Structure formats: C-alpha cells, structure tokens
Protein backbone atom coordinates (compact mmCIF):
# COMPACT_ATOMS: atom_id res chain seq x y z
CA MET A 1 33.26 249.95 130.24
CA LYS A 2 36.98 249.58 128.98
CA ILE A 3 38.81 247.00 130.43
CA ASP A 4 41.96 247.11 131.02
CA ARG A 5 43.76 245.58 127.63
CA ILE A 6 46.60 243.73 130.25
CA ASN A 7 44.12 241.91 132.58
CA PHE A 8 42.18 240.74 129.27
CA LEU A 9 45.20 238.84 127.41
CA PHE A 10 46.59 237.36 130.67
CA TYR A 11 42.60 235.23 131.77
CA PHE A 12 42.59 234.92 127.70
CA LYS A 13 46.00 233.19 127.86
CA ILE A 14 44.34 230.96 131.01
CA TYR A 15 41.08 230.75 129.12
CA LEU A 16 42.53 229.15 125.74
CA THR A 17 45.19 227.04 127.82
CA LEU A 18 42.51 225.44 129.85
CA LEU A 19 40.65 224.59 126.76
CA THR A 20 43.61 223.18 124.78
CA ILE A 21 43.90 220.90 127.13
CA PHE A 22 40.86 219.86 127.23
CA ALA A 23 40.84 219.38 124.05
CA VAL A 24 43.92 217.22 123.93
CA PHE A 25 42.97 215.20 126.79
CA HIS A 26 39.59 214.64 125.13
CA LEU A 27 41.17 213.81 121.52
CA TYR A 28 42.78 211.11 123.21
CA PHE A 29 40.39 209.19 124.53
CA LYS A 30 38.05 209.86 121.36
CA HIS A 31 41.16 208.36 119.45
CA THR A 32 41.43 205.23 121.14
CA GLY A 33 37.90 204.01 120.75
CA GLY A 34 35.60 206.64 119.62
CA THR A 35 32.17 206.38 117.38
CA ASP A 36 31.36 209.23 116.46
CA SER A 37 33.06 211.87 113.06
CA THR A 38 35.24 213.45 114.79
CA ILE A 39 37.45 209.80 113.72
CA SER A 40 35.15 208.73 111.08
CA GLU A 41 35.39 212.46 108.53
CA TRP A 42 39.40 212.06 108.85
CA LEU A 43 38.98 208.83 107.50
CA VAL A 44 37.42 209.23 103.95
CA ASN A 45 40.05 208.77 101.23
CA TYR A 46 40.66 208.29 97.93
CA LYS A 47 40.01 203.85 97.64
CA GLY A 48 36.86 203.64 96.82
CA GLY A 49 37.62 206.09 93.66
CA PHE A 50 37.54 210.26 94.08
CA THR A 51 34.73 211.87 96.86
CA ARG A 52 34.53 214.47 98.28
CA ARG A 53 37.01 215.21 101.56
CA GLY A 54 39.27 211.99 100.76
CA LEU A 55 42.40 213.89 100.50
CA SER A 56 43.39 213.46 104.69
CA GLY A 57 42.12 210.46 104.35
CA ASP A 58 44.64 210.01 102.01
CA PHE A 59 48.06 211.32 103.64
CA PHE A 60 47.23 209.54 106.71
CA ILE A 61 46.74 206.26 105.19
CA PHE A 62 50.71 206.32 103.71
CA LEU A 63 51.72 208.03 106.97
CA SER A 64 50.56 204.98 108.71
CA ASN A 65 51.72 202.83 106.21
CA ASN A 66 55.31 204.32 106.06
CA LEU A 67 55.82 205.37 109.40
CA ASN A 68 53.82 201.81 110.67
CA ILE A 69 52.23 203.86 112.76
CA SER A 70 48.68 202.92 114.10
CA ILE A 71 46.29 205.79 111.71
CA ARG A 72 43.87 206.72 114.70
CA PHE A 73 46.49 207.98 116.32
CA ILE A 74 47.88 210.03 113.61
CA ILE A 75 44.67 211.15 113.58
CA TYR A 76 44.66 212.22 117.37
CA LEU A 77 48.65 213.98 116.86
CA PHE A 78 46.93 216.06 113.57
CA GLN A 79 43.90 216.39 115.29
CA SER A 80 46.40 218.25 118.38
CA PHE A 81 48.71 220.35 116.29
CA PHE A 82 45.76 221.81 114.65
CA TYR A 83 43.89 222.74 117.96
CA ILE A 84 46.99 224.05 119.31
CA LEU A 85 47.53 226.01 116.50
CA PHE A 86 44.22 227.45 116.84
CA VAL A 87 44.51 228.21 119.59
CA PHE A 88 47.32 230.13 119.38
CA LEU A 89 46.95 232.30 116.14
CA THR A 90 43.51 232.89 118.07
CA PHE A 91 45.54 234.50 120.87
CA LEU A 92 47.95 236.20 118.32
CA PHE A 93 45.19 237.98 116.22
CA PHE A 94 42.95 239.18 119.64
CA LYS A 95 46.69 240.29 121.16
CA ASN A 96 47.28 242.87 118.78
CA LEU A 97 43.12 244.17 119.72
CA LYS A 98 44.22 247.96 121.32
CA ILE A 99 41.04 248.37 123.43
CA ILE A 100 38.75 245.97 125.09
CA SER A 101 35.84 246.85 125.68
CA TYR A 102 32.94 244.80 127.72
CA ILE A 103 30.51 243.55 124.84
CA PHE A 104 33.95 242.30 123.27
CA LEU A 105 34.03 239.80 125.59
CA LEU A 106 30.96 239.06 125.46
CA ILE A 107 31.63 238.87 121.83
CA ILE A 108 35.14 236.55 122.25
CA PHE A 109 33.42 233.73 124.96
CA CYS A 110 30.12 233.72 123.27
CA PRO A 111 29.38 229.80 123.53
CA LEU A 112 29.37 230.60 119.97
CA PHE A 113 32.47 230.37 119.80
CA LEU A 114 35.51 228.98 121.42
CA ILE A 115 34.01 227.01 123.81
CA TYR A 116 31.50 225.01 121.60
CA HIS A 117 34.30 222.39 120.47
CA LEU A 118 34.34 221.14 124.34
CA ALA A 119 30.82 222.11 124.85
CA GLU A 120 29.76 219.45 121.67
CA LEU A 121 32.57 216.72 122.14
CA GLU A 122 31.07 215.64 118.78
CA VAL A 123 32.16 218.54 117.07
CA LEU A 124 35.91 218.65 118.68
CA VAL A 125 37.71 219.48 115.37
CA ARG A 126 36.15 218.60 112.80
CA LYS A 127 37.55 219.69 109.36
CA GLU A 128 36.42 223.11 110.02
CA ILE A 129 39.01 223.43 111.74
CA LEU A 130 41.08 223.92 109.32
CA LEU A 131 38.93 226.87 107.28
CA PHE A 132 39.16 228.89 111.05
CA ILE A 133 43.30 228.35 110.28
CA HIS A 134 43.25 229.01 106.92
CA PHE A 135 40.70 232.52 107.22
CA TYR A 136 43.44 233.83 110.78
CA ILE A 137 46.89 233.78 107.67
CA TYR A 138 44.76 235.15 104.74
CA LEU A 139 44.20 237.69 107.65
CA PHE A 140 47.05 238.14 109.08
CA LEU A 141 48.93 238.37 105.72
CA ILE A 142 46.34 240.98 105.08
CA GLU A 143 47.53 243.10 108.57
CA ARG A 144 51.13 242.92 107.78
CA ARG A 145 50.51 244.74 104.63
CA SER A 146 51.34 241.95 102.14
CA THR A 147 51.28 242.60 98.34
CA SER A 148 47.53 241.40 96.66
CA LEU A 149 49.90 239.16 94.85
CA THR A 150 51.26 237.68 97.76
CA CYS A 151 46.79 237.15 99.07
CA ASN A 152 46.48 235.87 95.46
CA SER A 153 48.78 233.55 95.06
CA TYR A 154 47.97 232.07 98.92
CA LEU A 155 44.26 231.74 97.61
CA PHE A 156 45.43 229.75 94.66
CA THR A 157 47.43 227.32 95.74
CA THR A 158 45.72 226.63 99.57
CA LEU A 159 41.78 227.15 98.82
CA PRO A 160 41.33 223.86 96.49
CA ILE A 161 43.93 221.78 98.65
CA ILE A 162 40.91 223.41 101.90
CA ALA A 163 38.04 222.55 98.99
CA LEU A 164 39.72 218.85 98.87
CA ILE A 165 39.24 218.15 102.63
CA TRP A 166 35.86 220.00 103.37
CA GLU A 167 34.63 221.36 100.25
CA PRO A 168 31.38 223.66 101.99
CA ILE A 169 34.02 226.82 102.05
CA ILE A 170 32.33 227.52 99.27
CA PHE A 171 29.71 228.66 101.47
CA PHE A 172 32.01 231.22 102.91
CA VAL A 173 34.54 232.40 99.91
CA GLN A 174 33.08 235.92 99.87
CA PHE A 175 34.68 236.79 103.63
CA TYR A 176 38.02 236.47 101.90
CA PHE A 177 36.78 238.70 98.85
CA PHE A 178 35.32 240.71 101.35
CA SER A 179 38.26 241.66 103.30
CA TYR A 180 40.02 241.60 100.53
CA LEU A 181 38.04 244.81 98.22
CA LEU A 182 38.41 246.41 102.46
CA SER A 183 41.58 245.77 102.38
CA TYR A 184 43.10 246.48 98.75
CA HIS A 185 40.74 248.57 96.51
CA LYS A 186 40.95 252.30 96.74
CA SER A 187 36.94 252.59 96.37
CA PHE A 188 33.45 251.02 96.08
CA GLY A 189 32.67 253.39 93.81
CA LYS A 190 35.24 253.42 91.02
CA ILE A 191 36.15 249.62 90.11
CA ASP A 192 39.53 249.03 89.53
CA LYS A 193 38.75 245.86 87.01
CA LYS A 194 42.55 244.65 86.70
CA LEU A 195 42.31 244.72 90.37
CA ILE A 196 39.55 242.78 90.47
CA TYR A 197 40.35 240.29 88.08
CA LYS A 198 43.21 238.99 89.53
CA HIS A 199 41.82 238.47 92.67
CA LEU A 200 38.84 236.57 91.25
CA PHE A 201 41.61 234.64 88.71
CA SER A 202 43.19 233.40 92.32
CA TYR A 203 39.46 231.41 93.09
CA SER A 204 39.99 229.68 89.59
CA SER A 205 42.11 226.46 90.71
CA PHE A 206 39.47 226.38 94.39
CA LEU A 207 35.77 227.06 91.26
CA LEU A 208 37.68 223.70 89.48
CA VAL A 209 38.06 222.18 92.35
CA ILE A 210 34.52 222.34 93.46
CA PHE A 211 34.01 221.38 90.18
CA PHE A 212 34.53 218.58 89.70
CA ILE A 213 34.20 217.43 92.62
CA ILE A 214 30.10 218.67 92.23
CA THR A 215 30.12 216.36 89.10
CA GLN A 216 31.95 212.92 90.30
CA ASP A 217 29.92 209.82 90.84
CA PHE A 218 30.47 208.26 93.95
CA SER A 219 28.65 205.65 94.45
CA SER A 220 27.82 202.68 97.06
CA THR A 221 29.68 200.63 95.29
CA ASN A 222 32.51 202.79 95.32
CA GLU A 223 31.78 203.61 99.20
CA LYS A 224 31.84 199.94 99.92
CA ILE A 225 35.45 199.47 98.12
CA MET A 226 36.21 201.93 100.17
CA CYS A 227 35.21 200.71 103.41
CA ASP A 228 36.82 197.69 103.18
CA TYR A 229 40.81 198.57 102.69
CA LEU A 230 39.95 200.48 106.00
CA GLU A 231 38.43 197.39 107.73
CA PHE A 232 41.14 195.41 105.93
CA ASN A 233 44.32 196.73 105.65
CA PHE A 234 43.09 198.72 109.35
CA ASN A 235 40.61 196.34 111.35
CA GLN A 236 38.21 200.54 110.80
CA LYS A 237 34.90 199.70 109.70
CA CYS A 238 32.49 201.85 108.35
CA TYR A 239 30.10 204.46 110.51
CA MET A 240 29.14 208.66 110.66
CA SER A 241 30.63 210.41 108.47
CA LEU A 242 31.67 207.68 106.50
CA ASN A 243 28.07 205.96 105.20
CA TYR A 244 27.28 209.57 103.97
CA LEU A 245 29.78 209.97 100.93
CA ASP A 246 27.34 208.21 98.51
CA THR A 247 24.30 211.01 99.64
CA THR A 248 23.25 213.29 96.77
CA VAL A 249 22.67 217.63 97.39
CA SER A 250 18.66 216.32 96.73
CA GLU A 251 18.61 213.52 99.69
CA ASN A 252 21.02 216.44 101.61
CA PHE A 253 17.71 218.53 101.09
CA ASN A 254 14.74 216.02 101.44
CA SER A 255 16.36 214.90 104.35
CA LEU A 256 16.03 218.22 106.52
CA PHE A 257 12.64 218.94 104.55
CA VAL A 258 10.96 216.12 106.04
CA ASP A 259 11.47 216.26 109.52
CA ILE A 260 12.11 220.27 109.35
CA LYS A 261 9.34 221.43 111.93
CA PHE A 262 8.68 225.67 113.04
CA THR A 263 9.53 224.04 116.27
CA HIS A 264 13.49 224.06 114.83
CA ILE A 265 13.35 227.43 113.00
CA ALA A 266 12.50 229.75 116.10
CA ARG A 267 15.31 228.29 117.94
CA TYR A 268 18.19 228.88 115.96
CA THR A 269 16.10 232.32 115.03
CA LEU A 270 16.73 232.95 118.93
CA VAL A 271 20.10 231.67 118.36
CA TYR A 272 21.06 233.74 116.70
CA LEU A 273 19.23 237.11 117.47
CA ILE A 274 20.83 236.21 121.34
CA GLY A 275 24.49 235.00 120.54
CA PHE A 276 24.97 237.76 117.98
CA ALA A 277 22.74 240.11 120.23
CA PRO A 278 26.82 241.67 120.79
CA LEU A 279 27.59 242.00 117.84
CA PHE A 280 24.62 243.71 116.25
CA LEU A 281 25.08 246.31 118.85
CA VAL A 282 28.91 246.55 117.88
CA LEU A 283 27.66 247.08 113.62
CA LYS A 284 25.19 249.39 115.54
CA CYS A 285 27.47 251.77 117.03
CA SER A 286 29.98 251.07 114.31
CA SER A 287 30.77 252.92 110.63
CA LEU A 288 32.46 251.54 107.35
CA ILE A 289 34.99 254.13 106.72
CA TYR A 290 35.72 253.36 102.84
CA ASN A 291 37.62 256.05 100.78
CA LYS A 292 36.73 258.53 103.28
CA LYS A 293 32.90 257.49 102.97
CA VAL A 294 30.46 256.11 106.10
CA LEU A 295 28.89 253.04 104.11
CA ASN A 296 26.29 250.16 105.81
CA LEU A 297 28.33 247.17 106.78
CA LYS A 298 25.45 245.64 108.29
CA ASN A 299 23.76 245.41 104.33
CA TYR A 300 27.42 244.34 103.65
CA TYR A 301 26.86 241.03 106.31
CA LEU A 302 22.87 240.28 104.57
CA LEU A 303 24.58 240.03 101.45
CA LEU A 304 28.11 238.00 103.17
CA PHE A 305 24.88 235.43 104.68
CA ILE A 306 23.27 234.66 102.02
CA PRO A 307 25.68 231.69 99.83
CA ILE A 308 24.99 230.44 103.96
CA ILE A 309 20.84 230.26 103.81
CA PHE A 310 21.77 227.00 101.58
CA LEU A 311 23.71 225.34 104.06
CA TYR A 312 21.72 225.66 106.84
CA MET A 313 19.44 223.53 103.69
CA MET A 314 21.33 220.86 102.31
CA GLY A 315 22.82 219.89 106.40
CA LEU A 316 21.15 218.71 109.64
CA ASP A 317 24.75 219.69 111.71
CA TRP A 318 22.74 223.18 112.58
CA GLY A 319 25.21 223.71 115.73
CA ARG A 320 28.21 223.71 113.58
CA TRP A 321 26.82 226.11 110.63
CA THR A 322 26.04 228.68 113.71
CA ASN A 323 29.90 227.99 115.07
CA ILE A 324 31.40 229.02 111.73
CA THR A 325 29.11 231.41 111.01
CA TYR A 326 29.90 233.03 114.16
CA PHE A 327 33.73 232.81 113.00
CA TYR A 328 33.98 234.92 110.37
CA TYR A 329 31.57 237.06 110.66
CA ILE A 330 32.94 238.19 114.39
CA ILE A 331 37.20 238.04 113.11
CA THR A 332 36.12 239.60 110.27
CA THR A 333 34.48 241.87 112.76
CA PHE A 334 37.80 242.56 114.32
CA HIS A 335 40.00 242.43 111.73
CA LEU A 336 38.08 245.85 110.37
CA ILE A 337 38.62 247.06 113.58
CA LYS A 338 42.80 246.35 113.42
CA ILE A 339 43.35 248.09 110.28
CA ASN A 340 41.41 251.23 110.60
CA LYS A 341 37.87 250.20 108.41
CA LEU A 342 35.29 250.44 111.38
CA LYS A 343 35.42 252.49 113.06
CA ILE A 344 33.61 252.22 116.62
CA ASN A 345 31.33 255.47 118.61
CA LEU A 346 31.79 253.55 122.12
CA PHE A 347 30.48 255.91 123.93
CA LYS A 348 27.59 255.61 121.96
CA MET A 349 27.31 251.95 122.71
CA HIS A 350 28.27 252.36 126.18
CA LEU A 351 25.25 254.38 126.88
CA ARG A 352 22.95 251.89 124.92
CA LEU A 353 24.06 249.49 127.30
CA ASN A 354 23.51 251.45 130.36
CA LYS A 355 19.90 252.61 129.90
CA PHE A 356 19.43 249.39 130.96
CA ILE A 357 21.96 247.91 133.02
CA LYS A 358 23.58 250.61 135.92
CA LYS A 359 24.97 247.39 138.14
CA LYS A 360 28.39 246.03 138.04
CA TYR A 361 27.26 242.61 139.48
CA ILE A 362 24.21 242.28 136.27
CA LEU A 363 27.37 242.67 134.06
CA VAL A 364 28.93 240.29 135.72
CA PHE A 365 26.24 238.47 135.96
CA ILE A 366 25.77 238.67 132.36
CA PHE A 367 28.77 237.89 130.90
CA ILE A 368 28.54 234.17 133.02
CA PHE A 369 25.33 233.43 131.52
CA PHE A 370 25.09 234.63 128.26
CA CYS A 371 29.09 233.02 128.13
CA PHE A 372 28.59 229.75 129.74
CA GLY A 373 25.75 229.54 130.94
CA TRP A 374 24.02 227.49 127.36
CA ASN A 375 25.41 226.54 124.01
CA THR A 376 23.88 225.12 120.72
CA LYS A 377 23.92 220.84 120.11
CA THR A 378 25.14 219.84 116.80
CA LEU A 379 21.90 218.52 115.17
CA TYR A 380 19.29 221.00 114.25
CA LYS A 381 16.77 218.54 116.13
CA GLU A 382 18.29 219.35 119.61
CA ASP A 383 17.39 221.01 122.35
CA ILE A 384 19.55 224.12 123.29
CA GLY A 385 22.78 222.61 126.12
CA SER A 386 23.01 224.43 129.66
CA PHE A 387 25.76 225.17 131.46
CA PRO A 388 29.24 224.50 129.44
CA GLY A 389 31.31 226.33 131.68
CA TYR A 390 31.02 224.00 134.61
CA ARG A 391 29.93 220.74 132.34
CA VAL A 392 33.47 220.94 130.60
CA PRO A 393 35.56 221.15 133.23
CA TYR A 394 33.34 218.68 135.19
CA LEU A 395 33.40 216.18 132.15
CA PHE A 396 36.88 215.97 132.25
CA PHE A 397 37.85 215.64 135.98
CA LYS A 398 35.24 212.55 135.54
CA THR A 399 37.23 211.14 132.50
CA LEU A 400 40.44 211.59 133.90
CA ILE A 401 39.58 210.34 137.49
CA ASN A 402 37.69 207.24 135.75
CA ASN A 403 40.28 206.42 133.83
CA ILE A 404 42.51 206.57 137.14
CA ASN A 405 40.99 203.66 138.81
C-alpha cells in the first residue's frame, strides 16, 4: 500500500505542470472577454468609496494608469503568477512527505482540491488563491522552526492586507491559531498566557480591518460611481461580482434560505462524506501526540468547522467553500504529520482498507473514478459535474484547436 516516493514526486510534477499549462492557457482567453467573476472580482476598487475587496482593484488601476497597459492584461499576469506560485508551493509542501500511501494519493488528487479550479473555470484563480498561498507560507515558517515572533509578525502585517482583498478569510483564521498552538505551545493542559496573548495580539490589526469593513456602508450610489469610473476609464462594464457590493449580510442570508431545498443539503452532505472519506480514514487511524499525551484530532477538527458553517449560510458558492475548507483541513493534517504531531498507524489504516478491497486493479479503478470521475459545481443549486479527468484536457485541446483555426 506504500507508494514509492520518487515515483510519486515524478508523476506529481507532471500533474502540476499540466494543471499550470491548462490554467495559464484558460486565463489568457478568459481575460480577453470573459464575463464571469474570474476577472470582475479583481476589478473591485475604491473609486466609489471604501468597500470590501477593493484593495487589489485599486492596485491594478494604479499599474494600468502608470504602465499604460490594459487592466485586464495586468490582472491576467497577476492571476498567472498567483497560480504558478500556488502550484510551486503545493509541490514544495508535499515534497517533504517521508511516506506516501495509497490513502494519501486519494487525498491529494481528490477533485475537491487541485483539479477543481480547472473543472470549474468560473472559480479559476479567484481571490481565495491568496488564502492558499498565505497559509502555505505561514506553515513553512513553522516547519522551518521560525520563532513565534516571526510568525506573529507575519500574521500582524499580512492578514489585514488579505482581509482588504478577500474578507471571508475570517472564517478560516482558526486554522492559523490551531497550527500555532500545536507548534509553539508546550501543553494543552497548562496554558502559557504570555505566549497566547502575544499570538492573539497578532490578529488585532486584522480584526480592526474586519470591523471597519463590516461597519462601512457601500450603497448602490457608491457602486454606480465605481462602475462609471471603470466604464469611462477602462471601458469595463460592471457585471457579476461588481454588482454585489451593496448586498448586505441579511440579504445574503435571505437569498440562500428562500431557495435552498433538502436536495441541496443532501447533495453536499454526500460531497463531504465521499470527498473527505480518505481524510476521515486517516483521522480514524491516527493519534495527535501533544506533550506526550494522545488527543483526539477529530474533536478539534469539528470545532474548527463551526465558523465555516456561517460562510455556507451567507453565500451561494458552496462548491468554492468546500474547496477552501478541504484545502485547510488536508494541509493542516499533512502539516501535523510533517512536524511529527500526528502519528498514523499505517498498518491499521491499510488493514481497514484491505477488509473491503483486496485486488490491486480495484484500487486503481477506485483511484481513477474517485479522483477524476466527479467534481462539485460553483453554486449550491448546481448538480455534480462528471469526469473532470477527461473534460479538463478535452476543453483545453478543443479551445486550442478552435483558436488555431
């Protein structure tokens, strides 16, 4: 059941390289005339007044005006850079895994993770990619045994910037605290108040920005001023993400609860049960070792999920929320493995799997079907997509041939 690490890294490089080529290719054609949120989300700016998610748009406007380059092309360049950086950090993160098992392959190649962004081009390099990059760097600091002061300074200076670009990071900051607690705190039983207070202070600048975002009112008049600015200066009309800035939290709640049905909840319950199943198995066969004590990681993971529930209640993009949630859970899990906090009983894990599956060809079939046979859509109303392992390269070659001709 163990996989040769060298072979894994070789094929993982190929996989990531293909994803990068596909992503940069599609981003190029999307920036030329796309009308989805891939571009519109990055165009949000402060020209109509302070609004959530406007920092990146103002930055791109500044570059476009001073470099005399199309703002869409600038966004394309940054999107490509962010995606390449994300893929590079992903490879670096998994490169240092000492053991690769079959279950790990199911987790890493799960359609809720990397291939999702290409299976659903609507979400390709949306702003959450900055959360992924930010969390990777944070964990790298921990794994390289940086001081707690370094990690705290990193959070104090960068979290507010991320919040000004995409404020829903507030639903995932608990993963930063949890990782810090396990890495720098000596004992769950005896709390080092000084250490905890210093770390909590690192979130103060972030919380101040979040408070400012929540209390600011951005009306339809402000939105019109912003849209007029984009149309007059860049010939960009407001669409998709640009038209939702004046929406209140209560309106978000209402829009969900008016249309939600039992089938939607049932669908995503199955998505979690199936998509997270390999991770569940790892948690079932592992122990969180902390200060020579054995703790139940599942209980802590349930607590980490509580803030995320509110994100599902406030937005319609359940496919995106699931992708982000999956990222934080699996990256946190592998991080704990890498720093020797999570001890996995591989024999027990594989024994459980062997009770149901004894033929190697069945394992291969399960891998292909589980990892490349389905994917979630962007909105909670949409049905499950099929065979991204086929559709992603097919769409690439189809688009390529059409543009050559």
